[in-house]
Amino acid sequence: MTHTRNRAPRLTVVLTAASVMVVTNLFGAVSAHAADGPSYPPGTEPKASAPVKIDANDPDLKLVDGATLAEPKILDIKSVIEDQGGEERREDTNSDVKFALQAEVLFGKDSAKLSGQAKARIADIAEEIKAQNAKKVRVFGFTDNLGSSAHGDVLSRQRASAVHGVLDDELADSGITYEVRGYGEQYPIADNSTEAGRKKNRRVEVSFPRTES
């Protein structure tokens, strides 16, 4: 099924540094580190591995007596592309693709009923899932911190289920396993003290593995 819609101009917002190895100095302290980032729902944390192994017994390594090397780590590459209005956000890492759609472009206020425009946007995401040949898809709903936590949990789950329903129709007989959850006000990506931040936090995220090259 093919859908067409007018897209807002896209703006590349973030391209984080890649391939940064975290090592220790001669006293075992960390000499390079990444800035604190957002928390992630369970099972969606970025994963990466070091490109080379370091032999702790190499005689050319100069360490003070009793010091040992920490496990090497490499930061994942992440690119973020967002509509200028912030309605749709795409994050690409080495291993995953994640789409975040603001609730306002999918649903009415305090509603889990999808609009016609929303279904076209979700169908576009389904096309990307097909292109990546993904077999596991996560659909997570989130709200801001207004109202009760219990209401946010229920509404976010209902909205995630609504998006899942469209994806399931678009990707019928694809052998995909879905994980559908509502996290309510947990895991905000913006400041809940402003309406602009709360708007970003009211969202549904669809994520899935990238095709290995």
N, C-alpha and C. Protein backbone atom coordinates (compact mmCIF):
# COMPACT_ATOMS: atom_id res chain seq x y z
N MET A 1 0.85 -1.19 0.00
CA MET A 1 0.00 0.00 0.00
C MET A 1 0.89 1.24 0.00
N THR A 2 0.61 2.19 -0.87
CA THR A 2 1.44 3.39 -0.96
C THR A 2 0.64 4.59 -0.54
N HIS A 3 1.22 5.43 0.29
CA HIS A 3 0.59 6.65 0.76
C HIS A 3 1.46 7.82 0.38
N THR A 4 0.86 8.93 0.07
CA THR A 4 1.61 10.14 -0.18
C THR A 4 1.08 11.23 0.74
N ARG A 5 1.96 12.11 1.17
CA ARG A 5 1.55 13.23 2.00
C ARG A 5 2.59 14.32 1.86
N ASN A 6 2.18 15.51 2.17
CA ASN A 6 3.11 16.62 2.15
C ASN A 6 4.00 16.54 3.37
N ARG A 7 5.28 16.66 3.16
CA ARG A 7 6.23 16.60 4.26
C ARG A 7 6.76 17.99 4.56
N ALA A 8 6.93 18.28 5.82
CA ALA A 8 7.59 19.52 6.20
C ALA A 8 9.08 19.37 5.90
N PRO A 9 9.79 20.46 5.59
CA PRO A 9 11.23 20.37 5.35
C PRO A 9 11.92 19.73 6.53
N ARG A 10 12.91 18.90 6.26
CA ARG A 10 13.61 18.23 7.33
C ARG A 10 14.90 18.97 7.65
N LEU A 11 15.29 18.90 8.90
CA LEU A 11 16.46 19.59 9.37
C LEU A 11 17.28 18.62 10.20
N THR A 12 18.55 18.43 9.83
CA THR A 12 19.41 17.59 10.62
C THR A 12 19.78 18.33 11.89
N VAL A 13 19.41 17.75 13.03
CA VAL A 13 19.56 18.45 14.30
C VAL A 13 20.83 18.04 15.02
N VAL A 14 21.12 16.72 15.05
CA VAL A 14 22.24 16.25 15.85
C VAL A 14 22.99 15.18 15.08
N LEU A 15 24.30 15.22 15.11
CA LEU A 15 25.15 14.12 14.67
C LEU A 15 26.22 13.97 15.72
N THR A 16 26.06 12.98 16.59
CA THR A 16 26.96 12.87 17.72
C THR A 16 28.27 12.24 17.30
N ALA A 17 29.31 12.47 18.09
CA ALA A 17 30.64 11.94 17.78
C ALA A 17 30.62 10.43 17.80
N ALA A 18 31.44 9.84 16.95
CA ALA A 18 31.46 8.39 16.83
C ALA A 18 32.84 7.85 17.12
N SER A 19 32.85 6.54 17.40
CA SER A 19 34.10 5.82 17.58
C SER A 19 35.03 6.49 18.57
N VAL A 20 34.48 6.86 19.73
CA VAL A 20 35.29 7.44 20.79
C VAL A 20 35.56 6.37 21.82
N MET A 21 36.82 6.01 21.98
CA MET A 21 37.14 4.93 22.92
C MET A 21 37.34 5.50 24.30
N VAL A 22 36.76 4.83 25.28
CA VAL A 22 36.92 5.24 26.67
C VAL A 22 38.01 4.38 27.28
N VAL A 23 39.09 4.99 27.71
CA VAL A 23 40.20 4.25 28.32
C VAL A 23 40.51 4.88 29.66
N THR A 24 41.41 4.28 30.38
CA THR A 24 41.83 4.85 31.65
C THR A 24 43.22 5.42 31.54
N ASN A 25 43.53 6.39 32.39
CA ASN A 25 44.87 6.94 32.42
C ASN A 25 45.75 6.08 33.32
N LEU A 26 46.93 6.54 33.56
CA LEU A 26 47.88 5.71 34.31
C LEU A 26 47.41 5.39 35.72
N PHE A 27 46.50 6.20 36.24
CA PHE A 27 46.03 5.97 37.60
C PHE A 27 44.68 5.27 37.62
N GLY A 28 44.24 4.79 36.44
CA GLY A 28 43.00 4.04 36.38
C GLY A 28 41.78 4.92 36.27
N ALA A 29 41.95 6.23 36.16
CA ALA A 29 40.80 7.13 36.05
C ALA A 29 40.39 7.23 34.59
N VAL A 30 39.11 7.53 34.35
CA VAL A 30 38.62 7.66 32.98
C VAL A 30 39.21 8.91 32.37
N SER A 31 39.77 8.78 31.15
CA SER A 31 40.39 9.93 30.50
C SER A 31 39.52 10.52 29.41
N ALA A 32 38.49 9.82 28.98
CA ALA A 32 37.55 10.37 28.00
C ALA A 32 36.20 9.79 28.30
N HIS A 33 35.15 10.58 28.18
CA HIS A 33 33.82 10.06 28.49
C HIS A 33 32.78 10.83 27.72
N ALA A 34 31.60 10.24 27.61
CA ALA A 34 30.49 10.89 26.93
C ALA A 34 29.69 11.69 27.93
N ALA A 35 29.05 12.76 27.45
CA ALA A 35 28.17 13.53 28.31
C ALA A 35 26.96 12.69 28.70
N ASP A 36 26.40 13.00 29.84
CA ASP A 36 25.21 12.26 30.28
C ASP A 36 24.11 12.40 29.24
N GLY A 37 23.49 11.29 28.89
CA GLY A 37 22.42 11.32 27.91
C GLY A 37 21.10 10.97 28.54
N PRO A 38 20.05 10.87 27.75
CA PRO A 38 18.74 10.54 28.30
C PRO A 38 18.68 9.09 28.72
N SER A 39 17.76 8.78 29.62
CA SER A 39 17.53 7.38 29.96
C SER A 39 16.70 6.74 28.85
N TYR A 40 16.74 5.43 28.79
CA TYR A 40 16.06 4.70 27.72
C TYR A 40 15.14 3.65 28.32
N PRO A 41 14.01 3.37 27.65
CA PRO A 41 13.16 2.26 28.10
C PRO A 41 13.95 0.97 28.10
N PRO A 42 13.64 0.05 28.98
CA PRO A 42 14.39 -1.22 29.07
C PRO A 42 14.45 -1.92 27.72
N GLY A 43 15.63 -2.39 27.38
CA GLY A 43 15.82 -3.12 26.13
C GLY A 43 16.14 -2.27 24.93
N THR A 44 16.18 -0.94 25.09
CA THR A 44 16.44 -0.06 23.95
C THR A 44 17.73 0.73 24.11
N GLU A 45 18.53 0.40 25.12
CA GLU A 45 19.76 1.13 25.34
C GLU A 45 20.71 0.93 24.16
N PRO A 46 21.43 1.98 23.73
CA PRO A 46 22.39 1.83 22.63
C PRO A 46 23.45 0.81 22.99
N LYS A 47 23.85 0.02 22.01
CA LYS A 47 24.87 -1.00 22.24
C LYS A 47 26.02 -0.77 21.26
N ALA A 48 27.23 -0.98 21.72
CA ALA A 48 28.39 -0.84 20.86
C ALA A 48 29.51 -1.67 21.44
N SER A 49 30.49 -1.98 20.64
CA SER A 49 31.63 -2.75 21.10
C SER A 49 32.90 -2.12 20.60
N ALA A 50 33.99 -2.36 21.31
CA ALA A 50 35.26 -1.77 20.93
C ALA A 50 35.79 -2.39 19.65
N PRO A 51 36.46 -1.62 18.77
CA PRO A 51 36.93 -2.15 17.49
C PRO A 51 38.15 -3.04 17.63
N VAL A 52 38.95 -2.86 18.69
CA VAL A 52 40.15 -3.67 18.89
C VAL A 52 40.21 -4.10 20.34
N LYS A 53 40.91 -5.19 20.57
CA LYS A 53 41.12 -5.65 21.93
C LYS A 53 42.47 -5.13 22.44
N ILE A 54 42.55 -4.82 23.71
CA ILE A 54 43.78 -4.35 24.33
C ILE A 54 44.31 -5.44 25.23
N ASP A 55 45.56 -5.80 25.03
CA ASP A 55 46.20 -6.83 25.83
C ASP A 55 46.74 -6.21 27.11
N ALA A 56 46.12 -6.50 28.21
CA ALA A 56 46.55 -5.90 29.48
C ALA A 56 47.93 -6.38 29.90
N ASN A 57 48.41 -7.47 29.29
CA ASN A 57 49.72 -8.01 29.63
C ASN A 57 50.82 -7.56 28.68
N ASP A 58 50.49 -6.68 27.75
CA ASP A 58 51.47 -6.17 26.80
C ASP A 58 52.58 -5.44 27.56
N PRO A 59 53.87 -5.84 27.39
CA PRO A 59 54.95 -5.20 28.15
C PRO A 59 55.17 -3.74 27.77
N ASP A 60 54.65 -3.30 26.62
CA ASP A 60 54.82 -1.91 26.21
C ASP A 60 53.83 -0.98 26.90
N LEU A 61 52.86 -1.52 27.56
CA LEU A 61 51.94 -0.68 28.31
C LEU A 61 52.61 -0.24 29.62
N LYS A 62 52.56 1.06 29.88
CA LYS A 62 53.20 1.59 31.07
C LYS A 62 52.12 1.95 32.10
N LEU A 63 52.00 1.14 33.12
CA LEU A 63 51.02 1.37 34.17
C LEU A 63 51.73 1.41 35.51
N VAL A 64 51.20 2.19 36.41
CA VAL A 64 51.76 2.19 37.76
C VAL A 64 51.45 0.85 38.41
N ASP A 65 52.24 0.50 39.36
CA ASP A 65 52.07 -0.78 40.04
C ASP A 65 50.65 -0.91 40.59
N GLY A 66 50.02 -2.02 40.30
CA GLY A 66 48.69 -2.30 40.82
C GLY A 66 47.56 -1.77 39.96
N ALA A 67 47.88 -0.92 38.95
CA ALA A 67 46.84 -0.36 38.10
C ALA A 67 46.47 -1.35 37.00
N THR A 68 45.22 -1.34 36.58
CA THR A 68 44.75 -2.19 35.49
C THR A 68 43.93 -1.36 34.53
N LEU A 69 43.84 -1.83 33.30
CA LEU A 69 43.04 -1.14 32.28
C LEU A 69 41.55 -1.46 32.47
N ALA A 70 40.73 -0.44 32.34
CA ALA A 70 39.29 -0.67 32.32
C ALA A 70 38.89 -1.29 30.98
N GLU A 71 37.72 -1.90 30.94
CA GLU A 71 37.23 -2.46 29.70
C GLU A 71 37.05 -1.34 28.67
N PRO A 72 37.57 -1.50 27.44
CA PRO A 72 37.40 -0.45 26.43
C PRO A 72 35.95 -0.36 25.99
N LYS A 73 35.51 0.84 25.67
CA LYS A 73 34.15 1.05 25.21
C LYS A 73 34.17 1.98 24.00
N ILE A 74 33.19 1.87 23.17
CA ILE A 74 33.07 2.76 22.03
C ILE A 74 31.66 3.34 22.01
N LEU A 75 31.56 4.62 21.78
CA LEU A 75 30.26 5.25 21.72
C LEU A 75 29.59 4.97 20.38
N ASP A 76 28.29 4.73 20.42
CA ASP A 76 27.55 4.46 19.21
C ASP A 76 27.40 5.74 18.38
N ILE A 77 27.34 5.58 17.07
CA ILE A 77 27.04 6.70 16.19
C ILE A 77 25.54 6.93 16.23
N LYS A 78 25.14 8.17 16.38
CA LYS A 78 23.71 8.49 16.35
C LYS A 78 23.48 9.72 15.50
N SER A 79 22.58 9.61 14.53
CA SER A 79 22.16 10.79 13.78
C SER A 79 20.68 11.00 14.05
N VAL A 80 20.30 12.25 14.17
CA VAL A 80 18.92 12.61 14.46
C VAL A 80 18.43 13.58 13.40
N ILE A 81 17.31 13.24 12.78
CA ILE A 81 16.69 14.12 11.79
C ILE A 81 15.27 14.40 12.26
N GLU A 82 14.91 15.67 12.25
CA GLU A 82 13.62 16.07 12.79
C GLU A 82 12.95 17.07 11.86
N ASP A 83 11.64 16.92 11.66
CA ASP A 83 10.89 17.95 10.94
C ASP A 83 11.09 19.28 11.64
N GLN A 84 11.08 20.36 10.87
CA GLN A 84 11.28 21.67 11.48
C GLN A 84 10.23 21.97 12.54
N GLY A 85 9.04 21.43 12.37
CA GLY A 85 8.01 21.61 13.40
C GLY A 85 8.15 20.65 14.55
N GLY A 86 9.07 19.69 14.45
CA GLY A 86 9.29 18.72 15.52
C GLY A 86 8.23 17.64 15.60
N GLU A 87 7.38 17.54 14.56
CA GLU A 87 6.29 16.56 14.63
C GLU A 87 6.80 15.13 14.46
N GLU A 88 7.84 14.96 13.70
CA GLU A 88 8.38 13.63 13.47
C GLU A 88 9.89 13.67 13.64
N ARG A 89 10.42 12.67 14.31
CA ARG A 89 11.84 12.61 14.62
C ARG A 89 12.35 11.22 14.28
N ARG A 90 13.48 11.15 13.58
CA ARG A 90 14.09 9.86 13.26
C ARG A 90 15.50 9.81 13.84
N GLU A 91 15.79 8.73 14.55
CA GLU A 91 17.12 8.51 15.10
C GLU A 91 17.69 7.24 14.48
N ASP A 92 18.91 7.33 13.97
CA ASP A 92 19.62 6.18 13.42
C ASP A 92 20.89 5.95 14.21
N THR A 93 21.10 4.72 14.66
CA THR A 93 22.36 4.33 15.28
C THR A 93 22.93 3.18 14.46
N ASN A 94 24.08 2.66 14.91
CA ASN A 94 24.69 1.54 14.19
C ASN A 94 23.77 0.32 14.14
N SER A 95 22.90 0.20 15.12
CA SER A 95 22.13 -1.03 15.24
C SER A 95 20.62 -0.87 15.09
N ASP A 96 20.09 0.36 15.29
CA ASP A 96 18.64 0.52 15.33
C ASP A 96 18.17 1.77 14.60
N VAL A 97 16.88 1.74 14.26
CA VAL A 97 16.18 2.90 13.71
C VAL A 97 15.01 3.19 14.64
N LYS A 98 14.82 4.47 14.97
CA LYS A 98 13.70 4.83 15.84
C LYS A 98 12.98 6.04 15.26
N PHE A 99 11.66 5.92 15.16
CA PHE A 99 10.80 7.04 14.77
C PHE A 99 10.01 7.48 16.00
N ALA A 100 9.93 8.78 16.21
CA ALA A 100 9.10 9.34 17.28
C ALA A 100 8.10 10.30 16.65
N LEU A 101 6.82 10.03 16.84
CA LEU A 101 5.76 10.89 16.31
C LEU A 101 5.05 11.58 17.47
N GLN A 102 4.94 12.90 17.40
CA GLN A 102 4.24 13.62 18.45
C GLN A 102 2.76 13.23 18.48
N ALA A 103 2.23 13.14 19.68
CA ALA A 103 0.84 12.71 19.84
C ALA A 103 -0.13 13.63 19.10
N GLU A 104 0.20 14.93 19.03
CA GLU A 104 -0.71 15.88 18.39
C GLU A 104 -0.94 15.58 16.92
N VAL A 105 0.02 14.96 16.24
CA VAL A 105 -0.15 14.65 14.82
C VAL A 105 -0.81 13.30 14.61
N LEU A 106 -1.00 12.56 15.70
CA LEU A 106 -1.62 11.24 15.61
C LEU A 106 -3.03 11.20 16.18
N PHE A 107 -3.25 11.94 17.27
CA PHE A 107 -4.49 11.81 18.02
C PHE A 107 -5.06 13.18 18.39
N GLY A 108 -6.34 13.18 18.74
CA GLY A 108 -6.92 14.36 19.36
C GLY A 108 -6.49 14.45 20.81
N LYS A 109 -6.83 15.54 21.46
CA LYS A 109 -6.45 15.74 22.86
C LYS A 109 -7.06 14.66 23.75
N ASP A 110 -6.20 14.02 24.54
CA ASP A 110 -6.63 13.00 25.49
C ASP A 110 -7.37 11.85 24.80
N SER A 111 -6.98 11.55 23.57
CA SER A 111 -7.66 10.52 22.79
C SER A 111 -6.64 9.52 22.26
N ALA A 112 -7.11 8.30 21.98
CA ALA A 112 -6.27 7.28 21.35
C ALA A 112 -6.82 6.90 19.98
N LYS A 113 -7.70 7.75 19.42
CA LYS A 113 -8.25 7.50 18.09
C LYS A 113 -7.38 8.17 17.04
N LEU A 114 -6.88 7.39 16.08
CA LEU A 114 -5.97 7.90 15.07
C LEU A 114 -6.71 8.68 13.98
N SER A 115 -6.06 9.72 13.49
CA SER A 115 -6.59 10.48 12.37
C SER A 115 -6.16 9.84 11.06
N GLY A 116 -6.79 10.25 9.97
CA GLY A 116 -6.40 9.74 8.66
C GLY A 116 -4.97 10.10 8.31
N GLN A 117 -4.54 11.31 8.66
CA GLN A 117 -3.18 11.75 8.41
C GLN A 117 -2.20 10.89 9.19
N ALA A 118 -2.57 10.53 10.41
CA ALA A 118 -1.70 9.71 11.24
C ALA A 118 -1.46 8.36 10.59
N LYS A 119 -2.50 7.78 10.02
CA LYS A 119 -2.35 6.46 9.40
C LYS A 119 -1.37 6.50 8.23
N ALA A 120 -1.38 7.60 7.48
CA ALA A 120 -0.44 7.74 6.36
C ALA A 120 0.99 7.83 6.88
N ARG A 121 1.20 8.56 7.97
CA ARG A 121 2.54 8.66 8.55
C ARG A 121 3.03 7.30 9.05
N ILE A 122 2.16 6.56 9.69
CA ILE A 122 2.54 5.24 10.21
C ILE A 122 2.83 4.29 9.05
N ALA A 123 2.08 4.42 7.96
CA ALA A 123 2.33 3.58 6.79
C ALA A 123 3.72 3.85 6.22
N ASP A 124 4.18 5.09 6.28
CA ASP A 124 5.54 5.40 5.83
C ASP A 124 6.57 4.67 6.69
N ILE A 125 6.32 4.61 7.99
CA ILE A 125 7.22 3.89 8.88
C ILE A 125 7.21 2.39 8.55
N ALA A 126 6.04 1.87 8.22
CA ALA A 126 5.93 0.46 7.84
C ALA A 126 6.79 0.16 6.62
N GLU A 127 6.87 1.10 5.68
CA GLU A 127 7.70 0.91 4.49
C GLU A 127 9.17 0.80 4.88
N GLU A 128 9.60 1.59 5.86
CA GLU A 128 10.99 1.52 6.31
C GLU A 128 11.25 0.20 7.03
N ILE A 129 10.28 -0.29 7.79
CA ILE A 129 10.43 -1.59 8.44
C ILE A 129 10.60 -2.68 7.40
N LYS A 130 9.83 -2.58 6.33
CA LYS A 130 9.98 -3.55 5.23
C LYS A 130 11.37 -3.46 4.62
N ALA A 131 11.84 -2.24 4.40
CA ALA A 131 13.15 -2.04 3.78
C ALA A 131 14.27 -2.63 4.63
N GLN A 132 14.12 -2.54 5.95
CA GLN A 132 15.12 -3.08 6.86
C GLN A 132 14.91 -4.57 7.13
N ASN A 133 13.79 -5.10 6.64
CA ASN A 133 13.46 -6.51 6.86
C ASN A 133 13.48 -6.86 8.35
N ALA A 134 12.98 -5.94 9.15
CA ALA A 134 12.98 -6.13 10.61
C ALA A 134 11.94 -7.18 11.00
N LYS A 135 12.29 -7.98 11.99
CA LYS A 135 11.38 -9.02 12.48
C LYS A 135 10.94 -8.79 13.92
N LYS A 136 11.49 -7.75 14.55
CA LYS A 136 11.06 -7.38 15.89
C LYS A 136 10.88 -5.88 15.92
N VAL A 137 9.69 -5.43 16.32
CA VAL A 137 9.36 -4.01 16.32
C VAL A 137 8.83 -3.63 17.70
N ARG A 138 9.36 -2.54 18.25
CA ARG A 138 8.87 -2.01 19.52
C ARG A 138 7.99 -0.81 19.25
N VAL A 139 6.85 -0.75 19.92
CA VAL A 139 5.94 0.40 19.82
C VAL A 139 5.66 0.87 21.25
N PHE A 140 6.22 2.01 21.59
CA PHE A 140 6.13 2.51 22.96
C PHE A 140 5.41 3.86 22.97
N GLY A 141 4.47 4.02 23.90
CA GLY A 141 3.77 5.28 24.06
C GLY A 141 4.25 6.03 25.29
N PHE A 142 4.23 7.37 25.20
CA PHE A 142 4.69 8.22 26.30
C PHE A 142 3.77 9.43 26.42
N THR A 143 3.68 9.99 27.61
CA THR A 143 2.91 11.21 27.84
C THR A 143 3.78 12.24 28.55
N ASP A 144 3.22 13.43 28.77
CA ASP A 144 3.90 14.40 29.63
C ASP A 144 3.55 14.10 31.08
N ASN A 145 3.90 15.02 31.98
CA ASN A 145 3.65 14.75 33.40
C ASN A 145 2.42 15.46 33.94
N LEU A 146 1.56 15.96 33.05
CA LEU A 146 0.30 16.56 33.50
C LEU A 146 -0.72 15.46 33.79
N GLY A 147 -1.62 15.71 34.71
CA GLY A 147 -2.60 14.69 35.06
C GLY A 147 -1.98 13.61 35.92
N SER A 148 -2.77 12.60 36.23
CA SER A 148 -2.29 11.54 37.10
C SER A 148 -1.37 10.59 36.35
N SER A 149 -0.46 9.99 37.08
CA SER A 149 0.45 9.02 36.48
C SER A 149 -0.31 7.81 35.94
N ALA A 150 -1.32 7.38 36.68
CA ALA A 150 -2.11 6.21 36.25
C ALA A 150 -2.81 6.48 34.92
N HIS A 151 -3.38 7.68 34.77
CA HIS A 151 -4.05 8.02 33.52
C HIS A 151 -3.05 8.05 32.37
N GLY A 152 -1.87 8.60 32.62
CA GLY A 152 -0.84 8.64 31.58
C GLY A 152 -0.40 7.25 31.16
N ASP A 153 -0.31 6.34 32.11
CA ASP A 153 0.08 4.97 31.78
C ASP A 153 -0.94 4.33 30.85
N VAL A 154 -2.22 4.50 31.18
CA VAL A 154 -3.28 3.90 30.37
C VAL A 154 -3.34 4.53 28.98
N LEU A 155 -3.32 5.86 28.92
CA LEU A 155 -3.42 6.55 27.64
C LEU A 155 -2.24 6.23 26.73
N SER A 156 -1.05 6.19 27.29
CA SER A 156 0.13 5.90 26.47
C SER A 156 0.07 4.48 25.92
N ARG A 157 -0.44 3.56 26.70
CA ARG A 157 -0.58 2.17 26.22
C ARG A 157 -1.63 2.10 25.11
N GLN A 158 -2.75 2.80 25.29
CA GLN A 158 -3.80 2.79 24.27
C GLN A 158 -3.29 3.38 22.96
N ARG A 159 -2.51 4.44 23.05
CA ARG A 159 -1.97 5.06 21.84
C ARG A 159 -0.95 4.16 21.16
N ALA A 160 -0.11 3.51 21.94
CA ALA A 160 0.84 2.57 21.36
C ALA A 160 0.10 1.42 20.66
N SER A 161 -0.97 0.96 21.27
CA SER A 161 -1.75 -0.13 20.67
C SER A 161 -2.40 0.31 19.37
N ALA A 162 -2.85 1.56 19.30
CA ALA A 162 -3.46 2.07 18.08
C ALA A 162 -2.45 2.12 16.94
N VAL A 163 -1.24 2.57 17.23
CA VAL A 163 -0.18 2.60 16.21
C VAL A 163 0.19 1.18 15.81
N HIS A 164 0.27 0.30 16.78
CA HIS A 164 0.58 -1.10 16.48
C HIS A 164 -0.46 -1.70 15.54
N GLY A 165 -1.73 -1.35 15.74
CA GLY A 165 -2.78 -1.89 14.88
C GLY A 165 -2.58 -1.52 13.41
N VAL A 166 -2.17 -0.28 13.14
CA VAL A 166 -1.93 0.14 11.76
C VAL A 166 -0.70 -0.58 11.19
N LEU A 167 0.36 -0.66 11.98
CA LEU A 167 1.55 -1.37 11.51
C LEU A 167 1.25 -2.82 11.20
N ASP A 168 0.47 -3.45 12.05
CA ASP A 168 0.13 -4.86 11.85
C ASP A 168 -0.66 -5.06 10.56
N ASP A 169 -1.56 -4.12 10.26
CA ASP A 169 -2.32 -4.19 9.00
C ASP A 169 -1.40 -4.00 7.80
N GLU A 170 -0.49 -3.02 7.89
CA GLU A 170 0.41 -2.73 6.78
C GLU A 170 1.43 -3.84 6.55
N LEU A 171 1.80 -4.52 7.62
CA LEU A 171 2.87 -5.52 7.54
C LEU A 171 2.33 -6.93 7.77
N ALA A 172 1.10 -7.15 7.36
CA ALA A 172 0.47 -8.45 7.56
C ALA A 172 1.31 -9.56 6.94
N ASP A 173 1.35 -10.69 7.63
CA ASP A 173 2.06 -11.89 7.16
C ASP A 173 3.55 -11.66 6.97
N SER A 174 4.12 -10.73 7.74
CA SER A 174 5.56 -10.46 7.65
C SER A 174 6.36 -11.20 8.72
N GLY A 175 5.68 -11.93 9.59
CA GLY A 175 6.39 -12.67 10.63
C GLY A 175 7.04 -11.79 11.68
N ILE A 176 6.47 -10.61 11.92
CA ILE A 176 7.06 -9.66 12.86
C ILE A 176 6.52 -9.91 14.26
N THR A 177 7.40 -9.84 15.25
CA THR A 177 7.02 -9.89 16.65
C THR A 177 7.01 -8.47 17.20
N TYR A 178 5.92 -8.08 17.85
CA TYR A 178 5.78 -6.73 18.37
C TYR A 178 5.90 -6.72 19.89
N GLU A 179 6.51 -5.66 20.38
CA GLU A 179 6.52 -5.37 21.81
C GLU A 179 5.81 -4.02 21.97
N VAL A 180 4.67 -4.03 22.63
CA VAL A 180 3.84 -2.82 22.74
C VAL A 180 3.70 -2.46 24.22
N ARG A 181 4.10 -1.23 24.56
CA ARG A 181 4.06 -0.81 25.95
C ARG A 181 3.67 0.66 26.07
N GLY A 182 3.11 1.00 27.22
CA GLY A 182 2.85 2.40 27.55
C GLY A 182 3.64 2.78 28.78
N TYR A 183 4.48 3.79 28.65
CA TYR A 183 5.34 4.20 29.76
C TYR A 183 4.87 5.47 30.45
N GLY A 184 3.77 6.05 30.00
CA GLY A 184 3.28 7.25 30.66
C GLY A 184 4.31 8.36 30.64
N GLU A 185 4.53 8.96 31.80
CA GLU A 185 5.44 10.10 31.88
C GLU A 185 6.90 9.70 32.06
N GLN A 186 7.20 8.40 32.10
CA GLN A 186 8.57 7.95 32.23
C GLN A 186 9.36 8.27 30.95
N TYR A 187 10.66 8.40 31.09
CA TYR A 187 11.60 8.59 29.98
C TYR A 187 11.29 9.83 29.13
N PRO A 188 11.16 11.00 29.74
CA PRO A 188 10.95 12.21 28.94
C PRO A 188 12.19 12.51 28.10
N ILE A 189 12.00 13.13 26.94
CA ILE A 189 13.11 13.53 26.09
C ILE A 189 13.28 15.04 26.09
N ALA A 190 12.42 15.76 26.82
CA ALA A 190 12.48 17.21 26.89
C ALA A 190 12.00 17.66 28.26
N ASP A 191 12.11 18.95 28.51
CA ASP A 191 11.76 19.53 29.81
C ASP A 191 10.24 19.63 29.97
N ASN A 192 9.72 18.95 30.98
CA ASN A 192 8.28 18.97 31.21
C ASN A 192 7.78 20.27 31.85
N SER A 193 8.69 21.18 32.16
CA SER A 193 8.26 22.43 32.79
C SER A 193 7.77 23.46 31.77
N THR A 194 7.94 23.17 30.47
CA THR A 194 7.46 24.07 29.42
C THR A 194 6.51 23.32 28.51
N GLU A 195 5.59 24.04 27.86
CA GLU A 195 4.66 23.38 26.94
C GLU A 195 5.40 22.82 25.74
N ALA A 196 6.44 23.52 25.27
CA ALA A 196 7.22 23.00 24.14
C ALA A 196 7.85 21.66 24.49
N GLY A 197 8.35 21.54 25.72
CA GLY A 197 8.94 20.28 26.15
C GLY A 197 7.90 19.20 26.33
N ARG A 198 6.78 19.55 26.95
CA ARG A 198 5.72 18.55 27.15
C ARG A 198 5.20 18.04 25.81
N LYS A 199 5.15 18.91 24.81
CA LYS A 199 4.68 18.50 23.49
C LYS A 199 5.58 17.42 22.90
N LYS A 200 6.90 17.57 23.09
CA LYS A 200 7.82 16.55 22.60
C LYS A 200 7.69 15.24 23.37
N ASN A 201 7.39 15.35 24.64
CA ASN A 201 7.27 14.14 25.47
C ASN A 201 6.00 13.35 25.17
N ARG A 202 4.97 14.01 24.67
CA ARG A 202 3.74 13.30 24.28
C ARG A 202 3.99 12.69 22.91
N ARG A 203 4.32 11.41 22.87
CA ARG A 203 4.79 10.82 21.62
C ARG A 203 4.56 9.31 21.60
N VAL A 204 4.66 8.74 20.40
CA VAL A 204 4.73 7.29 20.24
C VAL A 204 6.00 7.00 19.46
N GLU A 205 6.79 6.08 19.98
CA GLU A 205 8.04 5.69 19.32
C GLU A 205 7.91 4.31 18.71
N VAL A 206 8.44 4.17 17.49
CA VAL A 206 8.51 2.88 16.81
C VAL A 206 9.97 2.63 16.52
N SER A 207 10.52 1.54 17.04
CA SER A 207 11.94 1.24 16.82
C SER A 207 12.11 -0.20 16.39
N PHE A 208 13.20 -0.43 15.64
CA PHE A 208 13.47 -1.77 15.11
C PHE A 208 14.93 -1.85 14.69
N PRO A 209 15.49 -3.06 14.57
CA PRO A 209 16.89 -3.22 14.20
C PRO A 209 17.15 -2.81 12.75
N ARG A 210 18.35 -2.29 12.52
CA ARG A 210 18.80 -2.00 11.16
C ARG A 210 19.26 -3.29 10.49
N THR A 211 19.22 -3.29 9.17
CA THR A 211 19.79 -4.40 8.42
C THR A 211 21.30 -4.36 8.56
N GLU A 212 21.90 -5.49 8.91
CA GLU A 212 23.36 -5.52 9.04
C GLU A 212 23.99 -5.47 7.67
N SER A 213 24.99 -4.58 7.52
CA SER A 213 25.68 -4.45 6.23
C SER A 213 26.87 -5.38 6.16
